[in-house]
PDB file of N, CA and C in Angstrom:
ATOM      1  N   MET A   1      22.449  94.558 -18.480  1.00  0.00           N
ATOM      2  CA  MET A   1      23.193  93.507 -17.781  1.00  0.00           C
ATOM      3  C   MET A   1      22.341  92.240 -17.675  1.00  0.00           C
ATOM      4  N   ALA A   2      21.080  92.401 -17.262  1.00  0.00           N
ATOM      5  CA  ALA A   2      20.209  91.236 -17.130  1.00  0.00           C
ATOM      6  C   ALA A   2      20.010  90.565 -18.479  1.00  0.00           C
ATOM      7  N   ASP A   3      19.944  91.376 -19.532  1.00  0.00           N
ATOM      8  CA  ASP A   3      19.773  90.831 -20.874  1.00  0.00           C
ATOM      9  C   ASP A   3      21.004  90.023 -21.295  1.00  0.00           C
ATOM     10  N   LEU A   4      22.197  90.548 -21.000  1.00  0.00           N
ATOM     11  CA  LEU A   4      23.431  89.833 -21.330  1.00  0.00           C
ATOM     12  C   LEU A   4      23.513  88.531 -20.542  1.00  0.00           C
ATOM     13  N   LYS A   5      23.118  88.566 -19.275  1.00  0.00           N
ATOM     14  CA  LYS A   5      23.132  87.349 -18.442  1.00  0.00           C
ATOM     15  C   LYS A   5      22.196  86.297 -19.027  1.00  0.00           C
ATOM     16  N   ALA A   6      21.029  86.729 -19.488  1.00  0.00           N
ATOM     17  CA  ALA A   6      20.073  85.798 -20.104  1.00  0.00           C
ATOM     18  C   ALA A   6      20.638  85.229 -21.404  1.00  0.00           C
ATOM     19  N   GLN A   7      21.289  86.062 -22.194  1.00  0.00           N
ATOM     20  CA  GLN A   7      21.909  85.593 -23.442  1.00  0.00           C
ATOM     21  C   GLN A   7      23.010  84.583 -23.133  1.00  0.00           C
ATOM     22  N   PHE A   8      23.797  84.881 -22.093  1.00  0.00           N
ATOM     23  CA  PHE A   8      24.885  83.987 -21.687  1.00  0.00           C
ATOM     24  C   PHE A   8      24.334  82.630 -21.253  1.00  0.00           C
ATOM     25  N   GLU A   9      23.300  82.653 -20.422  1.00  0.00           N
ATOM     26  CA  GLU A   9      22.705  81.401 -19.944  1.00  0.00           C
ATOM     27  C   GLU A   9      22.126  80.590 -21.103  1.00  0.00           C
ATOM     28  N   GLN A  10      21.530  81.273 -22.083  1.00  0.00           N
ATOM     29  CA  GLN A  10      21.010  80.577 -23.260  1.00  0.00           C
ATOM     30  C   GLN A  10      22.154  79.991 -24.083  1.00  0.00           C
ATOM     31  N   ALA A  11      23.246  80.734 -24.208  1.00  0.00           N
ATOM     32  CA  ALA A  11      24.404  80.249 -24.964  1.00  0.00           C
ATOM     33  C   ALA A  11      25.011  79.019 -24.295  1.00  0.00           C
ATOM     34  N   VAL A  12      25.013  78.993 -22.961  1.00  0.00           N
ATOM     35  CA  VAL A  12      25.514  77.818 -22.239  1.00  0.00           C
ATOM     36  C   VAL A  12      24.663  76.601 -22.597  1.00  0.00           C
ATOM     37  N   LYS A  13      23.343  76.774 -22.624  1.00  0.00           N
ATOM     38  CA  LYS A  13      22.454  75.676 -23.021  1.00  0.00           C
ATOM     39  C   LYS A  13      22.711  75.279 -24.472  1.00  0.00           C
ATOM     40  N   ASP A  14      22.830  76.284 -25.342  1.00  0.00           N
ATOM     41  CA  ASP A  14      23.049  76.022 -26.766  1.00  0.00           C
ATOM     42  C   ASP A  14      24.373  75.301 -27.016  1.00  0.00           C
ATOM     43  N   SER A  15      25.363  75.564 -26.170  1.00  0.00           N
ATOM     44  CA  SER A  15      26.686  74.962 -26.373  1.00  0.00           C
ATOM     45  C   SER A  15      26.639  73.441 -26.247  1.00  0.00           C
ATOM     46  N   LYS A  16      25.637  72.927 -25.550  1.00  0.00           N
ATOM     47  CA  LYS A  16      25.512  71.475 -25.373  1.00  0.00           C
ATOM     48  C   LYS A  16      24.840  70.806 -26.568  1.00  0.00           C
ATOM     49  N   ASN A  17      24.307  71.611 -27.492  1.00  0.00           N
ATOM     50  CA  ASN A  17      23.581  71.069 -28.647  1.00  0.00           C
ATOM     51  C   ASN A  17      24.087  71.634 -29.972  1.00  0.00           C
ATOM     52  N   LEU A  18      25.373  71.844 -30.075  1.00  0.00           N
ATOM     53  CA  LEU A  18      25.938  72.367 -31.323  1.00  0.00           C
ATOM     54  C   LEU A  18      25.848  71.298 -32.412  1.00  0.00           C
ATOM     55  N   PRO A  19      25.660  71.712 -33.668  1.00  0.00           N
ATOM     56  CA  PRO A  19      25.533  70.732 -34.752  1.00  0.00           C
ATOM     57  C   PRO A  19      26.800  69.883 -34.949  1.00  0.00           C
ATOM     58  N   ASP A  20      27.972  70.496 -34.776  1.00  0.00           N
ATOM     59  CA  ASP A  20      29.242  69.781 -34.914  1.00  0.00           C
ATOM     60  C   ASP A  20      30.075  69.998 -33.663  1.00  0.00           C
ATOM     61  N   LYS A  21      30.851  68.979 -33.284  1.00  0.00           N
ATOM     62  CA  LYS A  21      31.734  69.125 -32.125  1.00  0.00           C
ATOM     63  C   LYS A  21      32.889  70.045 -32.524  1.00  0.00           C
ATOM     64  N   PRO A  22      33.095  71.123 -31.761  1.00  0.00           N
ATOM     65  CA  PRO A  22      34.210  72.027 -32.077  1.00  0.00           C
ATOM     66  C   PRO A  22      35.562  71.342 -31.889  1.00  0.00           C
ATOM     67  N   ASP A  23      36.587  71.887 -32.554  1.00  0.00           N
ATOM     68  CA  ASP A  23      37.939  71.347 -32.382  1.00  0.00           C
ATOM     69  C   ASP A  23      38.437  71.683 -30.977  1.00  0.00           C
ATOM     70  N   ASN A  24      39.546  71.072 -30.592  1.00  0.00           N
ATOM     71  CA  ASN A  24      40.044  71.213 -29.220  1.00  0.00           C
ATOM     72  C   ASN A  24      40.376  72.654 -28.847  1.00  0.00           C
ATOM     73  N   MET A  25      40.945  73.419 -29.772  1.00  0.00           N
ATOM     74  CA  MET A  25      41.288  74.808 -29.466  1.00  0.00           C
ATOM     75  C   MET A  25      40.021  75.632 -29.203  1.00  0.00           C
ATOM     76  N   THR A  26      38.977  75.372 -29.977  1.00  0.00           N
ATOM     77  CA  THR A  26      37.710  76.088 -29.776  1.00  0.00           C
ATOM     78  C   THR A  26      37.079  75.670 -28.460  1.00  0.00           C
ATOM     79  N   LEU A  27      37.151  74.373 -28.142  1.00  0.00           N
ATOM     80  CA  LEU A  27      36.620  73.898 -26.850  1.00  0.00           C
ATOM     81  C   LEU A  27      37.347  74.570 -25.682  1.00  0.00           C
ATOM     82  N   LEU A  28      38.655  74.748 -25.810  1.00  0.00           N
ATOM     83  CA  LEU A  28      39.413  75.427 -24.758  1.00  0.00           C
ATOM     84  C   LEU A  28      38.988  76.888 -24.640  1.00  0.00           C
ATOM     85  N   GLN A  29      38.723  77.526 -25.775  1.00  0.00           N
ATOM     86  CA  GLN A  29      38.280  78.912 -25.762  1.00  0.00           C
ATOM     87  C   GLN A  29      36.900  79.025 -25.103  1.00  0.00           C
ATOM     88  N   ILE A  30      36.010  78.098 -25.426  1.00  0.00           N
ATOM     89  CA  ILE A  30      34.679  78.074 -24.797  1.00  0.00           C
ATOM     90  C   ILE A  30      34.833  77.920 -23.283  1.00  0.00           C
ATOM     91  N   TYR A  31      35.663  76.976 -22.871  1.00  0.00           N
ATOM     92  CA  TYR A  31      35.903  76.730 -21.445  1.00  0.00           C
ATOM     93  C   TYR A  31      36.448  77.985 -20.767  1.00  0.00           C
ATOM     94  N   ALA A  32      37.457  78.588 -21.380  1.00  0.00           N
ATOM     95  CA  ALA A  32      38.109  79.747 -20.773  1.00  0.00           C
ATOM     96  C   ALA A  32      37.145  80.916 -20.622  1.00  0.00           C
ATOM     97  N   LEU A  33      36.356  81.188 -21.647  1.00  0.00           N
ATOM     98  CA  LEU A  33      35.409  82.296 -21.569  1.00  0.00           C
ATOM     99  C   LEU A  33      34.313  82.019 -20.539  1.00  0.00           C
ATOM    100  N   TYR A  34      33.867  80.767 -20.475  1.00  0.00           N
ATOM    101  CA  TYR A  34      32.860  80.396 -19.471  1.00  0.00           C
ATOM    102  C   TYR A  34      33.411  80.608 -18.061  1.00  0.00           C
ATOM    103  N   LYS A  35      34.612  80.104 -17.809  1.00  0.00           N
ATOM    104  CA  LYS A  35      35.207  80.226 -16.478  1.00  0.00           C
ATOM    105  C   LYS A  35      35.465  81.688 -16.124  1.00  0.00           C
ATOM    106  N   GLN A  36      35.940  82.469 -17.099  1.00  0.00           N
ATOM    107  CA  GLN A  36      36.208  83.881 -16.838  1.00  0.00           C
ATOM    108  C   GLN A  36      34.914  84.617 -16.533  1.00  0.00           C
ATOM    109  N   ALA A  37      33.852  84.301 -17.271  1.00  0.00           N
ATOM    110  CA  ALA A  37      32.561  84.965 -17.064  1.00  0.00           C
ATOM    111  C   ALA A  37      31.929  84.560 -15.737  1.00  0.00           C
ATOM    112  N   SER A  38      32.090  83.305 -15.345  1.00  0.00           N
ATOM    113  CA  SER A  38      31.408  82.828 -14.141  1.00  0.00           C
ATOM    114  C   SER A  38      32.260  82.907 -12.876  1.00  0.00           C
ATOM    115  N   SER A  39      33.592  82.878 -13.014  1.00  0.00           N
ATOM    116  CA  SER A  39      34.451  82.835 -11.825  1.00  0.00           C
ATOM    117  C   SER A  39      35.491  83.952 -11.746  1.00  0.00           C
ATOM    118  N   GLY A  40      35.691  84.684 -12.832  1.00  0.00           N
ATOM    119  CA  GLY A  40      36.723  85.723 -12.833  1.00  0.00           C
ATOM    120  C   GLY A  40      38.095  85.131 -13.136  1.00  0.00           C
ATOM    121  N   ASP A  41      39.126  85.881 -12.810  1.00  0.00           N
ATOM    122  CA  ASP A  41      40.499  85.458 -13.105  1.00  0.00           C
ATOM    123  C   ASP A  41      40.847  84.150 -12.390  1.00  0.00           C
ATOM    124  N   VAL A  42      41.651  83.338 -13.064  1.00  0.00           N
ATOM    125  CA  VAL A  42      42.096  82.069 -12.484  1.00  0.00           C
ATOM    126  C   VAL A  42      42.921  82.360 -11.226  1.00  0.00           C
ATOM    127  N   ALA A  43      42.661  81.603 -10.170  1.00  0.00           N
ATOM    128  CA  ALA A  43      43.356  81.832  -8.900  1.00  0.00           C
ATOM    129  C   ALA A  43      44.201  80.634  -8.491  1.00  0.00           C
ATOM    130  N   ASP A  44      43.873  79.453  -9.003  1.00  0.00           N
ATOM    131  CA  ASP A  44      44.606  78.243  -8.640  1.00  0.00           C
ATOM    132  C   ASP A  44      45.982  78.235  -9.284  1.00  0.00           C
ATOM    133  N   LYS A  45      46.855  77.396  -8.721  1.00  0.00           N
ATOM    134  CA  LYS A  45      48.171  77.213  -9.331  1.00  0.00           C
ATOM    135  C   LYS A  45      48.036  76.405 -10.612  1.00  0.00           C
ATOM    136  N   ARG A  46      48.984  76.590 -11.510  1.00  0.00           N
ATOM    137  CA  ARG A  46      49.001  75.839 -12.763  1.00  0.00           C
ATOM    138  C   ARG A  46      49.249  74.365 -12.443  1.00  0.00           C
ATOM    139  N   PRO A  47      48.428  73.461 -13.033  1.00  0.00           N
ATOM    140  CA  PRO A  47      48.630  72.033 -12.786  1.00  0.00           C
ATOM    141  C   PRO A  47      50.015  71.564 -13.236  1.00  0.00           C
ATOM    142  N   GLY A  48      50.454  70.470 -12.647  1.00  0.00           N
ATOM    143  CA  GLY A  48      51.768  69.923 -12.961  1.00  0.00           C
ATOM    144  C   GLY A  48      51.850  69.367 -14.374  1.00  0.00           C
ATOM    145  N   PHE A  49      53.057  69.071 -14.784  1.00  0.00           N
ATOM    146  CA  PHE A  49      53.331  68.607 -16.144  1.00  0.00           C
ATOM    147  C   PHE A  49      52.582  67.323 -16.486  1.00  0.00           C
ATOM    148  N   SER A  50      52.318  66.487 -15.498  1.00  0.00           N
ATOM    149  CA  SER A  50      51.647  65.205 -15.770  1.00  0.00           C
ATOM    150  C   SER A  50      50.149  65.363 -16.063  1.00  0.00           C
ATOM    151  N   ASP A  51      49.587  66.509 -15.727  1.00  0.00           N
ATOM    152  CA  ASP A  51      48.163  66.766 -15.976  1.00  0.00           C
ATOM    153  C   ASP A  51      48.033  67.650 -17.218  1.00  0.00           C
ATOM    154  N   MET A  52      48.167  67.039 -18.378  1.00  0.00           N
ATOM    155  CA  MET A  52      48.192  67.795 -19.635  1.00  0.00           C
ATOM    156  C   MET A  52      46.864  68.512 -19.912  1.00  0.00           C
ATOM    157  N   ILE A  53      45.748  67.838 -19.648  1.00  0.00           N
ATOM    158  CA  ILE A  53      44.440  68.440 -19.923  1.00  0.00           C
ATOM    159  C   ILE A  53      44.188  69.605 -18.959  1.00  0.00           C
ATOM    160  N   GLY A  54      44.433  69.369 -17.685  1.00  0.00           N
ATOM    161  CA  GLY A  54      44.258  70.431 -16.699  1.00  0.00           C
ATOM    162  C   GLY A  54      45.148  71.628 -16.996  1.00  0.00           C
ATOM    163  N   ARG A  55      46.350  71.349 -17.458  1.00  0.00           N
ATOM    164  CA  ARG A  55      47.302  72.398 -17.789  1.00  0.00           C
ATOM    165  C   ARG A  55      46.815  73.220 -18.986  1.00  0.00           C
ATOM    166  N   ALA A  56      46.293  72.540 -20.008  1.00  0.00           N
ATOM    167  CA  ALA A  56      45.780  73.235 -21.195  1.00  0.00           C
ATOM    168  C   ALA A  56      44.586  74.110 -20.817  1.00  0.00           C
ATOM    169  N   LYS A  57      43.695  73.586 -19.973  1.00  0.00           N
ATOM    170  CA  LYS A  57      42.539  74.367 -19.526  1.00  0.00           C
ATOM    171  C   LYS A  57      42.990  75.579 -18.716  1.00  0.00           C
ATOM    172  N   TRP A  58      43.951  75.373 -17.826  1.00  0.00           N
ATOM    173  CA  TRP A  58      44.455  76.469 -17.003  1.00  0.00           C
ATOM    174  C   TRP A  58      45.070  77.547 -17.891  1.00  0.00           C
ATOM    175  N   ASP A  59      45.879  77.133 -18.849  1.00  0.00           N
ATOM    176  CA  ASP A  59      46.528  78.086 -19.763  1.00  0.00           C
ATOM    177  C   ASP A  59      45.499  78.892 -20.544  1.00  0.00           C
ATOM    178  N   ALA A  60      44.443  78.212 -21.033  1.00  0.00           N
ATOM    179  CA  ALA A  60      43.402  78.900 -21.796  1.00  0.00           C
ATOM    180  C   ALA A  60      42.679  79.913 -20.912  1.00  0.00           C
ATOM    181  N   TRP A  61      42.330  79.495 -19.694  1.00  0.00           N
ATOM    182  CA  TRP A  61      41.629  80.389 -18.772  1.00  0.00           C
ATOM    183  C   TRP A  61      42.535  81.561 -18.394  1.00  0.00           C
ATOM    184  N   ASN A  62      43.794  81.288 -18.137  1.00  0.00           N
ATOM    185  CA  ASN A  62      44.737  82.330 -17.753  1.00  0.00           C
ATOM    186  C   ASN A  62      44.919  83.350 -18.883  1.00  0.00           C
ATOM    187  N   ALA A  63      44.778  82.913 -20.125  1.00  0.00           N
ATOM    188  CA  ALA A  63      44.895  83.827 -21.270  1.00  0.00           C
ATOM    189  C   ALA A  63      43.754  84.843 -21.289  1.00  0.00           C
ATOM    190  N   ALA A  64      42.634  84.514 -20.646  1.00  0.00           N
ATOM    191  CA  ALA A  64      41.480  85.421 -20.582  1.00  0.00           C
ATOM    192  C   ALA A  64      41.559  86.350 -19.369  1.00  0.00           C
ATOM    193  N   LYS A  65      42.640  86.250 -18.604  1.00  0.00           N
ATOM    194  CA  LYS A  65      42.799  87.042 -17.379  1.00  0.00           C
ATOM    195  C   LYS A  65      42.630  88.539 -17.677  1.00  0.00           C
ATOM    196  N   GLY A  66      41.891  89.208 -16.803  1.00  0.00           N
ATOM    197  CA  GLY A  66      41.709  90.642 -16.946  1.00  0.00           C
ATOM    198  C   GLY A  66      40.433  91.037 -17.675  1.00  0.00           C
ATOM    199  N   LYS A  67      39.801  90.091 -18.366  1.00  0.00           N
ATOM    200  CA  LYS A  67      38.533  90.403 -19.043  1.00  0.00           C
ATOM    201  C   LYS A  67      37.454  90.580 -17.984  1.00  0.00           C
ATOM    202  N   SER A  68      36.598  91.567 -18.190  1.00  0.00           N
ATOM    203  CA  SER A  68      35.492  91.765 -17.263  1.00  0.00           C
ATOM    204  C   SER A  68      34.472  90.644 -17.462  1.00  0.00           C
ATOM    205  N   THR A  69      33.600  90.473 -16.494  1.00  0.00           N
ATOM    206  CA  THR A  69      32.547  89.460 -16.595  1.00  0.00           C
ATOM    207  C   THR A  69      31.698  89.704 -17.834  1.00  0.00           C
ATOM    208  N   ASP A  70      31.297  90.964 -18.042  1.00  0.00           N
ATOM    209  CA  ASP A  70      30.460  91.288 -19.202  1.00  0.00           C
ATOM    210  C   ASP A  70      31.175  91.018 -20.511  1.00  0.00           C
ATOM    211  N   GLU A  71      32.451  91.369 -20.572  1.00  0.00           N
ATOM    212  CA  GLU A  71      33.233  91.151 -21.784  1.00  0.00           C
ATOM    213  C   GLU A  71      33.342  89.654 -22.090  1.00  0.00           C
ATOM    214  N   ALA A  72      33.640  88.868 -21.071  1.00  0.00           N
ATOM    215  CA  ALA A  72      33.761  87.420 -21.256  1.00  0.00           C
ATOM    216  C   ALA A  72      32.415  86.811 -21.653  1.00  0.00           C
ATOM    217  N   MET A  73      31.334  87.264 -21.026  1.00  0.00           N
ATOM    218  CA  MET A  73      29.995  86.765 -21.381  1.00  0.00           C
ATOM    219  C   MET A  73      29.675  87.068 -22.842  1.00  0.00           C
ATOM    220  N   GLN A  74      29.949  88.305 -23.271  1.00  0.00           N
ATOM    221  CA  GLN A  74      29.636  88.689 -24.645  1.00  0.00           C
ATOM    222  C   GLN A  74      30.457  87.880 -25.633  1.00  0.00           C
ATOM    223  N   GLU A  75      31.746  87.672 -25.359  1.00  0.00           N
ATOM    224  CA  GLU A  75      32.597  86.874 -26.246  1.00  0.00           C
ATOM    225  C   GLU A  75      32.115  85.428 -26.291  1.00  0.00           C
ATOM    226  N   TYR A  76      31.670  84.900 -25.156  1.00  0.00           N
ATOM    227  CA  TYR A  76      31.145  83.532 -25.098  1.00  0.00           C
ATOM    228  C   TYR A  76      29.898  83.418 -25.973  1.00  0.00           C
ATOM    229  N   VAL A  77      28.972  84.360 -25.805  1.00  0.00           N
ATOM    230  CA  VAL A  77      27.731  84.363 -26.597  1.00  0.00           C
ATOM    231  C   VAL A  77      28.061  84.432 -28.081  1.00  0.00           C
ATOM    232  N   ASP A  78      28.967  85.338 -28.455  1.00  0.00           N
ATOM    233  CA  ASP A  78      29.344  85.501 -29.864  1.00  0.00           C
ATOM    234  C   ASP A  78      29.985  84.229 -30.421  1.00  0.00           C
ATOM    235  N   LEU A  79      30.831  83.582 -29.629  1.00  0.00           N
ATOM    236  CA  LEU A  79      31.502  82.363 -30.077  1.00  0.00           C
ATOM    237  C   LEU A  79      30.495  81.244 -30.287  1.00  0.00           C
ATOM    238  N   ILE A  80      29.579  81.038 -29.355  1.00  0.00           N
ATOM    239  CA  ILE A  80      28.583  79.987 -29.496  1.00  0.00           C
ATOM    240  C   ILE A  80      27.685  80.270 -30.702  1.00  0.00           C
ATOM    241  N   GLU A  81      27.295  81.530 -30.885  1.00  0.00           N
ATOM    242  CA  GLU A  81      26.468  81.887 -32.059  1.00  0.00           C
ATOM    243  C   GLU A  81      27.196  81.547 -33.360  1.00  0.00           C
ATOM    244  N   SER A  82      28.494  81.773 -33.400  1.00  0.00           N
ATOM    245  CA  SER A  82      29.266  81.502 -34.627  1.00  0.00           C
ATOM    246  C   SER A  82      29.386  80.011 -34.912  1.00  0.00           C
ATOM    247  N   LEU A  83      29.179  79.175 -33.889  1.00  0.00           N
ATOM    248  CA  LEU A  83      29.311  77.729 -34.049  1.00  0.00           C
ATOM    249  C   LEU A  83      27.986  77.048 -34.390  1.00  0.00           C
ATOM    250  N   LYS A  84      26.880  77.776 -34.333  1.00  0.00           N
ATOM    251  CA  LYS A  84      25.565  77.181 -34.607  1.00  0.00           C
ATOM    252  C   LYS A  84      25.395  76.895 -36.097  1.00  0.00           C
TER     253      LYS A  84
END
């Protein structure tokens, strides 16, 4: 567990220095996995129609609902590694 947490924290740092900026769908996936790993299932209400960005982020995070912290951390690490 401690090893996975260390890998996750390193991947968070690495995500800020990727060689190429990921496309929007990949950025949403990164966001969703990060939020799921660090905060668990989304608890807030879905943002209103006028908040398109907030709504897209909420939808992405909500799609990760039910993933365990470890599962989300591992998927996040794997995704960042694939983008290096």
